[in-house]
Amino acid sequence: MCGRFVLDASVSAVAGIFEATAPNIDDHPILTRPRYNICPTQSVLTIRLGEAGRETVPMRWGFLPHWYKSPTDGPLLINARSETIAGKPAFRLACRERRCLIPASGFYEWRSSDPKPRTPFYFQAPEQSVFAFAGIWQRWVATGHDPVDTCAIVTCEANDAMRPIHHRLPVVIQPESRGLWLGEEGKGAARLMHAAPEDFFEMREVGRAVNSARTDSSSLITAV
């Protein structure tokens, strides 16, 4: 799974990396600074395909199916499993028609075999200062609420490098495959939902300060 991640690049840098239009973030001041502990329900930057091409769009991390009457009307859907995404009522239409990229500089995972409190690890890609999670999105509209674009990160079975820490891994869309995932290059995106190569991520143990959603500092990604 992926429950916390990092994006320390600027909005303009992200737009440039993904060759997308820059977003309007006036209503999302949280996006104006580097972020080292991005948590579910917060605004995140995404890249999706719009009428004029790729656009950078703030979204709520936490996919809201159309039948939810409020944001808390059901489980918090921050991840979507690649093995079942095409058949789940909440995700299947988004998987076909509303795929996005979710930029990140790294992410955290907790060693699932540990007794609580579990040990956190930070994962980053040495060859890509900003990489892209596979994402899906949904515009949620409900009576009494403002419309909001929401998203989830697609996950898959862990590779051998990740498995000692956790059995799930976020799907990463490599630069040469981003157009296919976004729908710019026809069909075939399903084949992209697999684990990254064994050597794609480097990991290091970090301190438990990341456990607090209120803590957001570059010191969180420092090895213990």
Protein backbone atom coordinates (compact mmCIF):
# COMPACT_ATOMS: atom_id res chain seq x y z
CA MET A 1 0.00 0.00 0.00
CA CYS A 2 1.00 3.65 0.09
CA GLY A 3 -0.24 5.74 3.00
CA ARG A 4 2.24 8.63 3.15
CA PHE A 5 4.51 10.18 0.54
CA VAL A 6 6.81 13.09 -0.22
CA LEU A 7 6.91 15.73 -2.95
CA ASP A 8 9.62 18.33 -2.45
CA ALA A 9 9.64 19.77 -5.99
CA SER A 10 7.88 23.04 -6.80
CA VAL A 11 4.57 23.14 -8.66
CA SER A 12 6.23 24.71 -11.69
CA ALA A 13 8.98 22.08 -11.69
CA VAL A 14 6.41 19.28 -11.58
CA ALA A 15 4.47 20.82 -14.47
CA GLY A 16 7.69 21.03 -16.46
CA ILE A 17 8.77 17.44 -15.73
CA PHE A 18 5.42 16.09 -16.90
CA GLU A 19 5.01 18.55 -19.80
CA ALA A 20 1.71 19.75 -18.39
CA THR A 21 0.02 23.11 -17.93
CA ALA A 22 0.61 24.71 -14.53
CA PRO A 23 -2.33 24.54 -12.11
CA ASN A 24 -4.32 27.19 -10.32
CA ILE A 25 -3.52 26.53 -6.66
CA ASP A 26 -5.09 29.63 -5.10
CA ASP A 27 -7.44 27.41 -3.10
CA HIS A 28 -4.68 24.95 -2.17
CA PRO A 29 -1.99 26.85 -0.21
CA ILE A 30 -0.59 23.55 1.07
CA LEU A 31 0.78 22.92 -2.45
CA THR A 32 3.03 25.99 -2.41
CA ARG A 33 5.77 24.42 -0.27
CA PRO A 34 7.84 21.23 -0.18
CA ARG A 35 5.94 18.46 1.59
CA TYR A 36 7.56 15.60 3.48
CA ASN A 37 4.53 13.88 5.01
CA ILE A 38 1.61 13.96 2.59
CA CYS A 39 -1.37 12.27 4.23
CA PRO A 40 -4.72 10.92 3.04
CA THR A 41 -7.52 13.49 2.51
CA GLN A 42 -4.97 16.26 1.79
CA SER A 43 -4.67 18.01 -1.57
CA VAL A 44 -2.09 16.47 -3.89
CA LEU A 45 -0.83 17.37 -7.34
CA THR A 46 -1.92 15.13 -10.19
CA ILE A 47 -1.40 15.04 -13.94
CA ARG A 48 -4.36 14.12 -16.13
CA LEU A 49 -5.34 14.44 -19.77
CA GLY A 50 -7.61 17.41 -20.45
CA GLU A 51 -9.14 18.80 -23.60
CA ALA A 52 -5.99 20.78 -24.39
CA GLY A 53 -3.49 18.12 -23.34
CA ARG A 54 -1.84 17.30 -20.04
CA GLU A 55 -2.91 19.43 -17.11
CA THR A 56 -1.65 19.66 -13.55
CA VAL A 57 -4.63 19.46 -11.19
CA PRO A 58 -4.94 19.52 -7.38
CA MET A 59 -7.06 16.64 -6.09
CA ARG A 60 -8.12 15.21 -2.76
CA TRP A 61 -6.18 12.04 -1.95
CA GLY A 62 -8.98 9.67 -1.10
CA PHE A 63 -11.23 8.46 -3.91
CA LEU A 64 -14.94 9.18 -3.37
CA PRO A 65 -17.31 6.92 -5.31
CA HIS A 66 -20.33 8.66 -6.81
CA TRP A 67 -22.74 6.98 -4.37
CA TYR A 68 -21.06 8.47 -1.25
CA LYS A 69 -23.38 11.11 0.22
CA SER A 70 -20.53 12.60 2.28
CA PRO A 71 -16.72 12.16 2.35
CA THR A 72 -17.11 9.86 5.35
CA ASP A 73 -19.96 7.77 3.96
CA GLY A 74 -17.74 4.73 3.48
CA PRO A 75 -14.13 3.47 3.69
CA LEU A 76 -11.29 5.89 2.89
CA LEU A 77 -10.12 4.68 -0.52
CA ILE A 78 -6.54 5.91 -0.86
CA ASN A 79 -5.28 2.85 -2.78
CA ALA A 80 -6.72 0.64 -5.52
CA ARG A 81 -5.39 -2.90 -6.00
CA SER A 82 -4.21 -3.57 -9.54
CA GLU A 83 -5.48 -7.15 -9.41
CA THR A 84 -9.11 -6.13 -8.79
CA ILE A 85 -9.35 -2.50 -9.98
CA ALA A 86 -11.09 -3.35 -13.25
CA GLY A 87 -13.90 -5.19 -11.50
CA LYS A 88 -14.56 -3.07 -8.43
CA PRO A 89 -17.69 -0.91 -8.78
CA ALA A 90 -15.90 2.04 -7.17
CA PHE A 91 -12.94 1.92 -9.55
CA ARG A 92 -13.76 0.14 -12.81
CA LEU A 93 -14.97 3.15 -14.83
CA ALA A 94 -12.12 5.35 -13.57
CA CYS A 95 -9.64 2.61 -14.48
CA ARG A 96 -10.91 2.71 -18.06
CA GLU A 97 -11.53 6.43 -18.52
CA ARG A 98 -9.97 8.52 -15.74
CA ARG A 99 -6.36 7.59 -15.15
CA CYS A 100 -3.87 10.10 -13.79
CA LEU A 101 -0.28 10.40 -12.61
CA ILE A 102 0.52 11.35 -9.01
CA PRO A 103 4.01 12.90 -8.76
CA ALA A 104 6.19 11.96 -5.79
CA SER A 105 9.79 12.29 -4.61
CA GLY A 106 9.49 9.28 -2.31
CA PHE A 107 7.16 7.41 -0.01
CA TYR A 108 7.08 5.74 3.38
CA GLU A 109 6.24 2.20 4.33
CA TRP A 110 6.15 0.49 7.71
CA ARG A 111 7.62 -2.98 8.22
CA SER A 112 4.52 -5.11 8.59
CA SER A 113 6.26 -7.89 10.55
CA ASP A 114 7.21 -5.55 13.42
CA PRO A 115 5.23 -5.31 16.65
CA LYS A 116 3.64 -1.91 17.07
CA PRO A 117 4.94 0.74 16.79
CA ARG A 118 6.26 -0.50 13.46
CA THR A 119 9.53 0.72 11.94
CA PRO A 120 9.13 3.23 9.07
CA PHE A 121 11.28 3.18 5.94
CA TYR A 122 11.66 5.81 3.25
CA PHE A 123 11.82 4.83 -0.43
CA GLN A 124 13.18 7.06 -3.18
CA ALA A 125 14.26 6.57 -6.79
CA PRO A 126 17.93 7.55 -7.28
CA GLU A 127 17.46 7.96 -11.04
CA GLN A 128 14.27 10.06 -10.83
CA SER A 129 14.05 12.94 -8.38
CA VAL A 130 10.32 13.06 -9.17
CA PHE A 131 8.57 9.90 -10.34
CA ALA A 132 4.92 9.10 -10.98
CA PHE A 133 2.53 6.80 -9.15
CA ALA A 134 -0.23 5.31 -11.26
CA GLY A 135 -3.48 6.93 -10.20
CA ILE A 136 -7.19 7.01 -10.95
CA TRP A 137 -9.54 9.90 -10.31
CA GLN A 138 -13.21 10.71 -9.83
CA ARG A 139 -15.13 13.99 -9.67
CA TRP A 140 -17.40 13.62 -6.67
CA VAL A 141 -20.67 15.55 -6.69
CA ALA A 142 -23.14 15.31 -3.81
CA THR A 143 -26.02 17.41 -2.53
CA GLY A 144 -24.85 19.96 0.01
CA HIS A 145 -21.17 19.65 -0.94
CA ASP A 146 -18.93 21.43 -3.40
CA PRO A 147 -17.76 19.20 -6.29
CA VAL A 148 -14.26 17.85 -5.68
CA ASP A 149 -11.81 15.86 -7.77
CA THR A 150 -10.51 12.87 -5.82
CA CYS A 151 -7.84 10.26 -6.52
CA ALA A 152 -6.33 6.96 -5.42
CA ILE A 153 -2.91 5.37 -5.93
CA VAL A 154 -2.77 2.01 -7.72
CA THR A 155 -0.81 -0.71 -5.91
CA CYS A 156 0.47 -4.14 -6.87
CA GLU A 157 2.19 -7.11 -5.27
CA ALA A 158 5.60 -6.19 -3.88
CA ASN A 159 8.80 -7.10 -5.68
CA ASP A 160 11.55 -9.03 -3.88
CA ALA A 161 13.25 -5.84 -2.68
CA MET A 162 10.08 -4.54 -1.04
CA ARG A 163 8.67 -7.82 0.29
CA PRO A 164 10.70 -7.88 3.56
CA ILE A 165 9.03 -4.57 4.45
CA HIS A 166 5.52 -4.90 3.03
CA HIS A 167 3.58 -7.13 0.64
CA ARG A 168 2.24 -4.22 -1.47
CA LEU A 169 4.00 -1.60 -3.60
CA PRO A 170 2.72 1.52 -5.40
CA VAL A 171 2.69 1.12 -9.18
CA VAL A 172 5.18 3.49 -10.84
CA ILE A 173 4.61 4.67 -14.41
CA GLN A 174 7.94 5.16 -16.15
CA PRO A 175 8.49 8.25 -18.35
CA GLU A 176 8.19 6.34 -21.61
CA SER A 177 4.82 4.89 -20.53
CA ARG A 178 3.13 8.01 -19.16
CA GLY A 179 1.31 8.76 -22.39
CA LEU A 180 -0.12 5.25 -22.50
CA TRP A 181 -1.32 5.45 -18.89
CA LEU A 182 -2.96 8.83 -19.47
CA GLY A 183 -4.76 7.63 -22.58
CA GLU A 184 -2.75 9.57 -25.15
CA GLU A 185 -1.60 6.43 -26.94
CA GLY A 186 -4.65 4.21 -27.20
CA LYS A 187 -5.30 1.04 -25.23
CA GLY A 188 -2.99 -1.25 -23.28
CA ALA A 189 -2.57 0.59 -19.97
CA ALA A 190 -3.42 -2.55 -17.98
CA ARG A 191 -0.02 -4.04 -18.73
CA LEU A 192 1.65 -1.16 -16.87
CA MET A 193 0.21 -2.21 -13.50
CA HIS A 194 3.21 -4.15 -12.20
CA ALA A 195 6.03 -3.69 -9.72
CA ALA A 196 8.99 -1.47 -10.52
CA PRO A 197 12.36 -3.15 -11.15
CA GLU A 198 14.16 -4.48 -8.07
CA ASP A 199 16.76 -1.71 -8.17
CA PHE A 200 14.39 1.19 -8.89
CA PHE A 201 14.02 2.25 -5.25
CA GLU A 202 16.58 2.80 -2.54
CA MET A 203 15.31 2.51 1.02
CA ARG A 204 16.48 3.58 4.45
CA GLU A 205 15.08 3.35 7.93
CA VAL A 206 13.80 6.67 9.27
CA GLY A 207 12.54 7.91 12.61
CA ARG A 208 9.04 7.42 13.97
CA ALA A 209 8.32 11.16 13.85
CA VAL A 210 6.69 10.46 10.48
CA ASN A 211 3.94 8.60 12.34
CA SER A 212 2.42 11.95 13.29
CA ALA A 213 0.42 13.55 10.50
CA ARG A 214 1.17 16.94 12.08
CA THR A 215 4.92 16.57 11.47
CA ASP A 216 6.14 17.81 8.09
CA SER A 217 9.87 18.50 7.83
CA SER A 218 12.81 17.48 5.66
CA SER A 219 14.27 15.83 8.77
CA LEU A 220 11.69 13.04 8.36
CA ILE A 221 13.59 11.52 5.42
CA THR A 222 16.94 11.47 7.27
CA ALA A 223 18.22 7.99 8.09
CA VAL A 224 18.27 7.01 11.74
